[in-house]
Amino acid sequence: MATMGGIKTEEAFAKNWAQLVELPAVTRPKPLVWTPERVAHWKKTGEKPDPVMVWTPE
């Protein structure tokens, strides 16, 4: 049986250590649609109205 840093190799990989990690909850950003008013404001100021913007098919 091999050892790795004082831990038996079988024991080191027998446990799923990643399942002990808890990640914070994340909320998805809601995209805004580019409207003529938002486009005009963006062209005039260079500021995007929201971090996530989408275009409509037409």
N, C-alpha and C. Protein backbone atom coordinates (compact mmCIF):
# COMPACT_ATOMS: atom_id res chain seq x y z
N MET A 1 0.85 -1.18 0.00
CA MET A 1 0.00 0.00 0.00
C MET A 1 0.90 1.24 0.00
N ALA A 2 0.73 2.12 -0.96
CA ALA A 2 1.56 3.31 -1.08
C ALA A 2 1.01 4.42 -0.18
N THR A 3 1.91 5.29 0.24
CA THR A 3 1.48 6.44 1.04
C THR A 3 1.77 7.72 0.27
N MET A 4 0.94 8.70 0.51
CA MET A 4 1.08 9.99 -0.17
C MET A 4 0.98 11.07 0.90
N GLY A 5 2.12 11.63 1.28
CA GLY A 5 2.11 12.67 2.30
C GLY A 5 1.57 12.17 3.63
N GLY A 6 1.80 10.91 3.97
CA GLY A 6 1.34 10.36 5.23
C GLY A 6 -0.08 9.80 5.17
N ILE A 7 -0.73 9.88 4.01
CA ILE A 7 -2.09 9.35 3.85
C ILE A 7 -2.01 8.13 2.94
N LYS A 8 -2.67 7.08 3.35
CA LYS A 8 -2.69 5.91 2.49
C LYS A 8 -3.44 6.27 1.21
N THR A 9 -2.91 5.87 0.07
CA THR A 9 -3.47 6.27 -1.23
C THR A 9 -4.93 5.88 -1.36
N GLU A 10 -5.28 4.68 -0.92
CA GLU A 10 -6.68 4.24 -1.05
C GLU A 10 -7.61 5.16 -0.25
N GLU A 11 -7.14 5.61 0.91
CA GLU A 11 -7.98 6.47 1.74
C GLU A 11 -8.11 7.87 1.14
N ALA A 12 -7.06 8.35 0.47
CA ALA A 12 -7.08 9.70 -0.09
C ALA A 12 -8.09 9.82 -1.22
N PHE A 13 -8.26 8.76 -2.00
CA PHE A 13 -9.15 8.84 -3.15
C PHE A 13 -10.49 8.14 -2.91
N ALA A 14 -10.65 7.51 -1.77
CA ALA A 14 -11.90 6.81 -1.47
C ALA A 14 -13.01 7.79 -1.11
N LYS A 15 -12.66 8.98 -0.67
CA LYS A 15 -13.65 9.96 -0.25
C LYS A 15 -13.76 11.06 -1.30
N ASN A 16 -14.98 11.48 -1.62
CA ASN A 16 -15.20 12.58 -2.56
C ASN A 16 -15.15 13.89 -1.78
N TRP A 17 -13.97 14.51 -1.74
CA TRP A 17 -13.78 15.73 -0.97
C TRP A 17 -14.54 16.91 -1.55
N ALA A 18 -14.83 16.88 -2.83
CA ALA A 18 -15.53 18.00 -3.47
C ALA A 18 -16.96 18.14 -2.97
N GLN A 19 -17.56 17.05 -2.49
CA GLN A 19 -18.94 17.17 -2.01
C GLN A 19 -19.03 17.90 -0.68
N LEU A 20 -17.90 18.17 -0.04
CA LEU A 20 -17.89 18.93 1.20
C LEU A 20 -17.92 20.44 0.94
N VAL A 21 -17.70 20.85 -0.31
CA VAL A 21 -17.67 22.27 -0.66
C VAL A 21 -19.09 22.77 -0.90
N GLU A 22 -19.41 23.90 -0.30
CA GLU A 22 -20.72 24.53 -0.52
C GLU A 22 -20.49 25.85 -1.23
N LEU A 23 -21.12 26.01 -2.39
CA LEU A 23 -21.00 27.25 -3.15
C LEU A 23 -22.18 28.16 -2.83
N PRO A 24 -21.97 29.46 -2.83
CA PRO A 24 -23.08 30.37 -2.56
C PRO A 24 -24.10 30.34 -3.70
N ALA A 25 -25.35 30.57 -3.36
CA ALA A 25 -26.41 30.60 -4.36
C ALA A 25 -26.21 31.80 -5.28
N VAL A 26 -26.48 31.61 -6.54
CA VAL A 26 -26.30 32.68 -7.53
C VAL A 26 -27.62 32.89 -8.24
N THR A 27 -28.01 34.15 -8.39
CA THR A 27 -29.22 34.45 -9.15
C THR A 27 -28.81 34.84 -10.56
N ARG A 28 -29.51 34.30 -11.53
CA ARG A 28 -29.21 34.62 -12.93
C ARG A 28 -29.65 36.05 -13.23
N PRO A 29 -28.83 36.79 -13.95
CA PRO A 29 -29.26 38.14 -14.33
C PRO A 29 -30.37 38.06 -15.38
N LYS A 30 -31.35 38.91 -15.25
CA LYS A 30 -32.44 38.94 -16.22
C LYS A 30 -32.07 39.92 -17.33
N PRO A 31 -32.03 39.44 -18.58
CA PRO A 31 -31.63 40.34 -19.66
C PRO A 31 -32.71 41.36 -20.00
N LEU A 32 -32.28 42.51 -20.44
CA LEU A 32 -33.20 43.55 -20.94
C LEU A 32 -33.14 43.55 -22.46
N VAL A 33 -34.26 43.86 -23.08
CA VAL A 33 -34.34 43.93 -24.53
C VAL A 33 -33.93 45.33 -24.98
N TRP A 34 -33.16 45.38 -26.07
CA TRP A 34 -32.80 46.68 -26.65
C TRP A 34 -34.05 47.29 -27.26
N THR A 35 -34.47 48.42 -26.74
CA THR A 35 -35.60 49.18 -27.31
C THR A 35 -35.00 50.40 -28.01
N PRO A 36 -35.77 51.05 -28.87
CA PRO A 36 -35.24 52.26 -29.52
C PRO A 36 -34.75 53.32 -28.52
N GLU A 37 -35.46 53.46 -27.40
CA GLU A 37 -35.05 54.43 -26.39
C GLU A 37 -33.71 54.03 -25.76
N ARG A 38 -33.55 52.75 -25.48
CA ARG A 38 -32.29 52.28 -24.87
C ARG A 38 -31.13 52.39 -25.86
N VAL A 39 -31.40 52.13 -27.14
CA VAL A 39 -30.36 52.26 -28.17
C VAL A 39 -29.93 53.72 -28.28
N ALA A 40 -30.91 54.62 -28.27
CA ALA A 40 -30.60 56.05 -28.37
C ALA A 40 -29.76 56.50 -27.17
N HIS A 41 -30.13 56.07 -26.00
CA HIS A 41 -29.37 56.43 -24.80
C HIS A 41 -27.95 55.87 -24.87
N TRP A 42 -27.81 54.63 -25.33
CA TRP A 42 -26.50 53.99 -25.45
C TRP A 42 -25.62 54.73 -26.47
N LYS A 43 -26.20 55.11 -27.62
CA LYS A 43 -25.43 55.83 -28.65
C LYS A 43 -25.01 57.21 -28.15
N LYS A 44 -25.88 57.86 -27.34
CA LYS A 44 -25.59 59.19 -26.86
C LYS A 44 -24.54 59.19 -25.74
N THR A 45 -24.64 58.22 -24.82
CA THR A 45 -23.77 58.24 -23.64
C THR A 45 -22.69 57.17 -23.66
N GLY A 46 -22.89 56.09 -24.43
CA GLY A 46 -21.94 54.98 -24.43
C GLY A 46 -22.15 54.02 -23.27
N GLU A 47 -23.18 54.26 -22.46
CA GLU A 47 -23.48 53.41 -21.31
C GLU A 47 -24.52 52.37 -21.69
N LYS A 48 -24.22 51.11 -21.37
CA LYS A 48 -25.23 50.06 -21.58
C LYS A 48 -26.27 50.19 -20.47
N PRO A 49 -27.55 50.06 -20.81
CA PRO A 49 -28.60 50.18 -19.79
C PRO A 49 -28.51 49.10 -18.71
N ASP A 50 -27.98 47.92 -19.05
CA ASP A 50 -27.91 46.81 -18.11
C ASP A 50 -26.73 45.93 -18.53
N PRO A 51 -26.14 45.17 -17.61
CA PRO A 51 -25.03 44.33 -18.00
C PRO A 51 -25.39 43.25 -19.04
N VAL A 52 -26.64 42.79 -19.01
CA VAL A 52 -27.06 41.75 -19.95
C VAL A 52 -28.17 42.31 -20.84
N MET A 53 -27.84 42.48 -22.12
CA MET A 53 -28.79 43.03 -23.09
C MET A 53 -28.97 42.04 -24.23
N VAL A 54 -30.21 41.96 -24.77
CA VAL A 54 -30.48 41.05 -25.88
C VAL A 54 -31.24 41.80 -26.97
N TRP A 55 -31.08 41.31 -28.21
CA TRP A 55 -31.82 41.84 -29.34
C TRP A 55 -32.99 40.93 -29.65
N THR A 56 -34.05 41.48 -30.18
CA THR A 56 -35.19 40.66 -30.61
C THR A 56 -34.93 40.18 -32.03
N PRO A 57 -35.60 39.12 -32.49
CA PRO A 57 -35.35 38.58 -33.83
C PRO A 57 -35.54 39.58 -34.97
N GLU A 58 -36.50 40.49 -34.86
CA GLU A 58 -36.70 41.43 -35.96
C GLU A 58 -35.68 42.48 -35.83
